[in-house]
């Protein structure tokens, strides 16, 4: 193979097309970047907010809030910025659960508490609706769609 021919062929003259990234590709890259940065964390937050997976039939009952302790931001940013921007906080909540057909028992659950409801639960003593796992009574999730009494 002729080395001089390869060197001449590799040089781009004025009429050579630009070998950069085409504008349509930049649009695609922008869409993918937007999805990863903005939609990805929201999707992860939605998945994490579902609470524990109930394996057996769900037992509905009530629980008295014993204490609530914030352990972190529930939003999409880290640290104090996440606490300020998020709609919920990750909390450790101590509960006394009462499910029909079972003795009352104490359990501590970690999960998201909506900021609009945190003040109602903060002092303890309030009653919330819960769903418990019939196969594992330690798996309890608070139903924030029901009224707090």
C-alpha atoms as a PDB file:
ATOM      1  CA  UNK A   1       0.000   0.000   0.000  1.00  0.00           C
ATOM      2  CA  UNK A   2       1.248   3.464  -0.873  1.00  0.00           C
ATOM      3  CA  UNK A   3       1.840   5.506   2.292  1.00  0.00           C
ATOM      4  CA  UNK A   4       1.779   8.848   0.457  1.00  0.00           C
ATOM      5  CA  UNK A   5      -1.655   8.022  -0.981  1.00  0.00           C
ATOM      6  CA  UNK A   6      -3.024   7.273   2.527  1.00  0.00           C
ATOM      7  CA  UNK A   7      -1.676  10.544   3.933  1.00  0.00           C
ATOM      8  CA  UNK A   8      -3.223  12.558   1.073  1.00  0.00           C
ATOM      9  CA  UNK A   9      -6.549  10.709   1.375  1.00  0.00           C
ATOM     10  CA  UNK A  10      -6.735  11.349   5.123  1.00  0.00           C
ATOM     11  CA  UNK A  11      -6.413  15.150   4.704  1.00  0.00           C
ATOM     12  CA  UNK A  12      -9.645  17.014   4.320  1.00  0.00           C
ATOM     13  CA  UNK A  13      -9.818  19.686   1.698  1.00  0.00           C
ATOM     14  CA  UNK A  14     -12.244  22.609   1.590  1.00  0.00           C
ATOM     15  CA  UNK A  15     -14.999  20.567  -0.068  1.00  0.00           C
ATOM     16  CA  UNK A  16     -14.865  17.736   2.466  1.00  0.00           C
ATOM     17  CA  UNK A  17     -17.991  17.318   4.611  1.00  0.00           C
ATOM     18  CA  UNK A  18     -17.687  18.155   8.288  1.00  0.00           C
ATOM     19  CA  UNK A  19     -17.267  14.954  10.264  1.00  0.00           C
ATOM     20  CA  UNK A  20     -18.871  16.413  13.427  1.00  0.00           C
ATOM     21  CA  UNK A  21     -22.064  15.259  15.103  1.00  0.00           C
ATOM     22  CA  UNK A  22     -25.135  16.145  13.021  1.00  0.00           C
ATOM     23  CA  UNK A  23     -27.768  18.457  14.573  1.00  0.00           C
ATOM     24  CA  UNK A  24     -30.405  15.701  14.645  1.00  0.00           C
ATOM     25  CA  UNK A  25     -28.077  13.610  16.817  1.00  0.00           C
ATOM     26  CA  UNK A  26     -27.707  16.514  19.262  1.00  0.00           C
ATOM     27  CA  UNK A  27     -31.501  16.570  19.646  1.00  0.00           C
ATOM     28  CA  UNK A  28     -31.469  12.866  20.487  1.00  0.00           C
ATOM     29  CA  UNK A  29     -28.605  13.327  22.928  1.00  0.00           C
ATOM     30  CA  UNK A  30     -30.523  16.173  24.581  1.00  0.00           C
ATOM     31  CA  UNK A  31     -33.654  14.047  24.979  1.00  0.00           C
ATOM     32  CA  UNK A  32     -31.692  11.189  26.523  1.00  0.00           C
ATOM     33  CA  UNK A  33     -29.839  13.554  28.880  1.00  0.00           C
ATOM     34  CA  UNK A  34     -33.114  15.210  29.939  1.00  0.00           C
ATOM     35  CA  UNK A  35     -34.666  11.807  30.612  1.00  0.00           C
ATOM     36  CA  UNK A  36     -31.749  10.643  32.736  1.00  0.00           C
ATOM     37  CA  UNK A  37     -31.390  13.863  34.714  1.00  0.00           C
ATOM     38  CA  UNK A  38     -35.027  14.821  35.307  1.00  0.00           C
ATOM     39  CA  UNK A  39     -37.268  11.825  34.722  1.00  0.00           C
ATOM     40  CA  UNK A  40     -34.988   9.066  36.026  1.00  0.00           C
ATOM     41  CA  UNK A  41     -34.873  10.268  39.662  1.00  0.00           C
ATOM     42  CA  UNK A  42     -38.632  10.888  39.634  1.00  0.00           C
ATOM     43  CA  UNK A  43     -39.272   7.351  38.432  1.00  0.00           C
ATOM     44  CA  UNK A  44     -36.976   5.977  41.130  1.00  0.00           C
ATOM     45  CA  UNK A  45     -38.776   8.109  43.744  1.00  0.00           C
ATOM     46  CA  UNK A  46     -42.169   6.782  42.634  1.00  0.00           C
ATOM     47  CA  UNK A  47     -40.926   3.210  42.858  1.00  0.00           C
ATOM     48  CA  UNK A  48     -39.407   3.814  46.318  1.00  0.00           C
ATOM     49  CA  UNK A  49     -42.530   5.593  47.622  1.00  0.00           C
ATOM     50  CA  UNK A  50     -44.756   2.571  47.191  1.00  0.00           C
ATOM     51  CA  UNK A  51     -43.862   1.216  50.631  1.00  0.00           C
ATOM     52  CA  UNK A  52     -43.137  -2.384  51.518  1.00  0.00           C
ATOM     53  CA  UNK A  53     -44.417  -5.092  49.237  1.00  0.00           C
ATOM     54  CA  UNK A  54     -47.341  -6.936  50.791  1.00  0.00           C
ATOM     55  CA  UNK A  55     -46.916 -10.628  49.909  1.00  0.00           C
ATOM     56  CA  UNK A  56     -50.035 -12.149  51.446  1.00  0.00           C
ATOM     57  CA  UNK A  57     -53.535 -10.727  51.642  1.00  0.00           C
ATOM     58  CA  UNK A  58     -53.438  -7.149  52.926  1.00  0.00           C
ATOM     59  CA  UNK A  59     -54.902  -6.655  56.374  1.00  0.00           C
ATOM     60  CA  UNK A  60     -56.431  -3.228  56.874  1.00  0.00           C
ATOM     61  CA  UNK A  61     -56.454  -1.648  60.268  1.00  0.00           C
ATOM     62  CA  UNK A  62     -55.347   1.392  62.205  1.00  0.00           C
ATOM     63  CA  UNK A  63     -52.178   2.438  63.936  1.00  0.00           C
ATOM     64  CA  UNK A  64     -51.418   4.997  66.605  1.00  0.00           C
ATOM     65  CA  UNK A  65     -48.366   7.131  65.863  1.00  0.00           C
ATOM     66  CA  UNK A  66     -45.861   6.786  68.702  1.00  0.00           C
ATOM     67  CA  UNK A  67     -43.091   8.912  67.180  1.00  0.00           C
ATOM     68  CA  UNK A  68     -41.829  10.268  63.863  1.00  0.00           C
ATOM     69  CA  UNK A  69     -38.180  11.020  63.123  1.00  0.00           C
ATOM     70  CA  UNK A  70     -36.963  12.501  59.840  1.00  0.00           C
ATOM     71  CA  UNK A  71     -34.057  10.559  58.364  1.00  0.00           C
ATOM     72  CA  UNK A  72     -33.636  12.318  55.022  1.00  0.00           C
ATOM     73  CA  UNK A  73     -35.068  14.107  52.041  1.00  0.00           C
ATOM     74  CA  UNK A  74     -37.665  12.412  49.936  1.00  0.00           C
ATOM     75  CA  UNK A  75     -37.048  14.559  46.890  1.00  0.00           C
ATOM     76  CA  UNK A  76     -34.829  14.384  43.883  1.00  0.00           C
ATOM     77  CA  UNK A  77     -31.880  16.402  45.192  1.00  0.00           C
ATOM     78  CA  UNK A  78     -29.461  15.529  47.962  1.00  0.00           C
ATOM     79  CA  UNK A  79     -28.980  17.203  51.321  1.00  0.00           C
ATOM     80  CA  UNK A  80     -30.706  20.391  52.450  1.00  0.00           C
ATOM     81  CA  UNK A  81     -31.701  21.233  48.873  1.00  0.00           C
ATOM     82  CA  UNK A  82     -33.641  17.962  48.655  1.00  0.00           C
ATOM     83  CA  UNK A  83     -35.343  18.711  51.965  1.00  0.00           C
ATOM     84  CA  UNK A  84     -36.426  22.122  50.684  1.00  0.00           C
ATOM     85  CA  UNK A  85     -37.579  21.023  47.228  1.00  0.00           C
ATOM     86  CA  UNK A  86     -39.179  17.677  47.967  1.00  0.00           C
ATOM     87  CA  UNK A  87     -42.828  16.998  48.634  1.00  0.00           C
ATOM     88  CA  UNK A  88     -42.044  14.342  51.235  1.00  0.00           C
ATOM     89  CA  UNK A  89     -39.474  13.410  53.837  1.00  0.00           C
ATOM     90  CA  UNK A  90     -38.101   9.966  54.588  1.00  0.00           C
ATOM     91  CA  UNK A  91     -39.048   9.184  58.178  1.00  0.00           C
ATOM     92  CA  UNK A  92     -38.769   6.454  60.771  1.00  0.00           C
ATOM     93  CA  UNK A  93     -42.276   6.120  62.193  1.00  0.00           C
ATOM     94  CA  UNK A  94     -42.999   4.093  65.335  1.00  0.00           C
ATOM     95  CA  UNK A  95     -46.524   2.654  65.276  1.00  0.00           C
ATOM     96  CA  UNK A  96     -48.824   0.631  67.532  1.00  0.00           C
ATOM     97  CA  UNK A  97     -50.768  -1.400  64.976  1.00  0.00           C
ATOM     98  CA  UNK A  98     -54.283  -2.732  65.558  1.00  0.00           C
ATOM     99  CA  UNK A  99     -55.516  -5.203  62.956  1.00  0.00           C
ATOM    100  CA  UNK A 100     -58.800  -7.101  63.445  1.00  0.00           C
ATOM    101  CA  UNK A 101     -58.189 -10.638  64.680  1.00  0.00           C
ATOM    102  CA  UNK A 102     -54.682  -9.853  66.040  1.00  0.00           C
ATOM    103  CA  UNK A 103     -53.307  -8.440  69.273  1.00  0.00           C
ATOM    104  CA  UNK A 104     -51.953  -4.860  69.006  1.00  0.00           C
ATOM    105  CA  UNK A 105     -48.225  -4.798  68.289  1.00  0.00           C
ATOM    106  CA  UNK A 106     -45.481  -2.197  67.892  1.00  0.00           C
ATOM    107  CA  UNK A 107     -43.494  -1.772  64.704  1.00  0.00           C
ATOM    108  CA  UNK A 108     -41.150   0.873  63.278  1.00  0.00           C
ATOM    109  CA  UNK A 109     -41.390   1.555  59.560  1.00  0.00           C
ATOM    110  CA  UNK A 110     -39.220   3.653  57.268  1.00  0.00           C
ATOM    111  CA  UNK A 111     -41.006   5.448  54.485  1.00  0.00           C
ATOM    112  CA  UNK A 112     -42.006   8.692  52.870  1.00  0.00           C
ATOM    113  CA  UNK A 113     -44.271  11.064  54.782  1.00  0.00           C
ATOM    114  CA  UNK A 114     -45.848  13.905  52.774  1.00  0.00           C
ATOM    115  CA  UNK A 115     -44.659  17.272  54.096  1.00  0.00           C
ATOM    116  CA  UNK A 116     -48.234  18.534  54.229  1.00  0.00           C
ATOM    117  CA  UNK A 117     -49.011  15.785  56.790  1.00  0.00           C
ATOM    118  CA  UNK A 118     -45.757  15.748  58.748  1.00  0.00           C
ATOM    119  CA  UNK A 119     -46.885  18.402  61.271  1.00  0.00           C
ATOM    120  CA  UNK A 120     -50.012  16.350  62.028  1.00  0.00           C
ATOM    121  CA  UNK A 121     -47.948  13.251  62.797  1.00  0.00           C
ATOM    122  CA  UNK A 122     -44.914  14.878  64.409  1.00  0.00           C
ATOM    123  CA  UNK A 123     -46.098  14.892  68.029  1.00  0.00           C
ATOM    124  CA  UNK A 124     -47.482  11.375  67.974  1.00  0.00           C
ATOM    125  CA  UNK A 125     -50.829  10.295  69.356  1.00  0.00           C
ATOM    126  CA  UNK A 126     -52.710  10.528  66.039  1.00  0.00           C
ATOM    127  CA  UNK A 127     -54.341   7.503  64.393  1.00  0.00           C
ATOM    128  CA  UNK A 128     -53.742   6.556  60.742  1.00  0.00           C
ATOM    129  CA  UNK A 129     -55.074   3.853  58.437  1.00  0.00           C
ATOM    130  CA  UNK A 130     -52.568   1.098  57.665  1.00  0.00           C
ATOM    131  CA  UNK A 131     -52.212  -2.004  55.561  1.00  0.00           C
ATOM    132  CA  UNK A 132     -50.303  -4.957  56.946  1.00  0.00           C
ATOM    133  CA  UNK A 133     -48.965  -8.150  55.441  1.00  0.00           C
ATOM    134  CA  UNK A 134     -50.825 -11.227  56.692  1.00  0.00           C
ATOM    135  CA  UNK A 135     -47.672 -13.357  56.303  1.00  0.00           C
ATOM    136  CA  UNK A 136     -45.293 -10.891  58.008  1.00  0.00           C
ATOM    137  CA  UNK A 137     -46.809  -8.465  60.537  1.00  0.00           C
ATOM    138  CA  UNK A 138     -43.656  -6.286  60.505  1.00  0.00           C
ATOM    139  CA  UNK A 139     -44.461  -5.205  56.929  1.00  0.00           C
ATOM    140  CA  UNK A 140     -46.809  -2.271  57.415  1.00  0.00           C
ATOM    141  CA  UNK A 141     -47.490   0.720  55.221  1.00  0.00           C
ATOM    142  CA  UNK A 142     -49.393   3.845  56.146  1.00  0.00           C
ATOM    143  CA  UNK A 143     -52.302   4.751  53.863  1.00  0.00           C
ATOM    144  CA  UNK A 144     -51.999   8.553  53.517  1.00  0.00           C
ATOM    145  CA  UNK A 145     -55.099   8.615  51.292  1.00  0.00           C
ATOM    146  CA  UNK A 146     -57.262   8.019  54.374  1.00  0.00           C
ATOM    147  CA  UNK A 147     -57.973  10.746  56.949  1.00  0.00           C
ATOM    148  CA  UNK A 148     -55.744  11.136  59.992  1.00  0.00           C
ATOM    149  CA  UNK A 149     -57.656  11.087  63.272  1.00  0.00           C
END
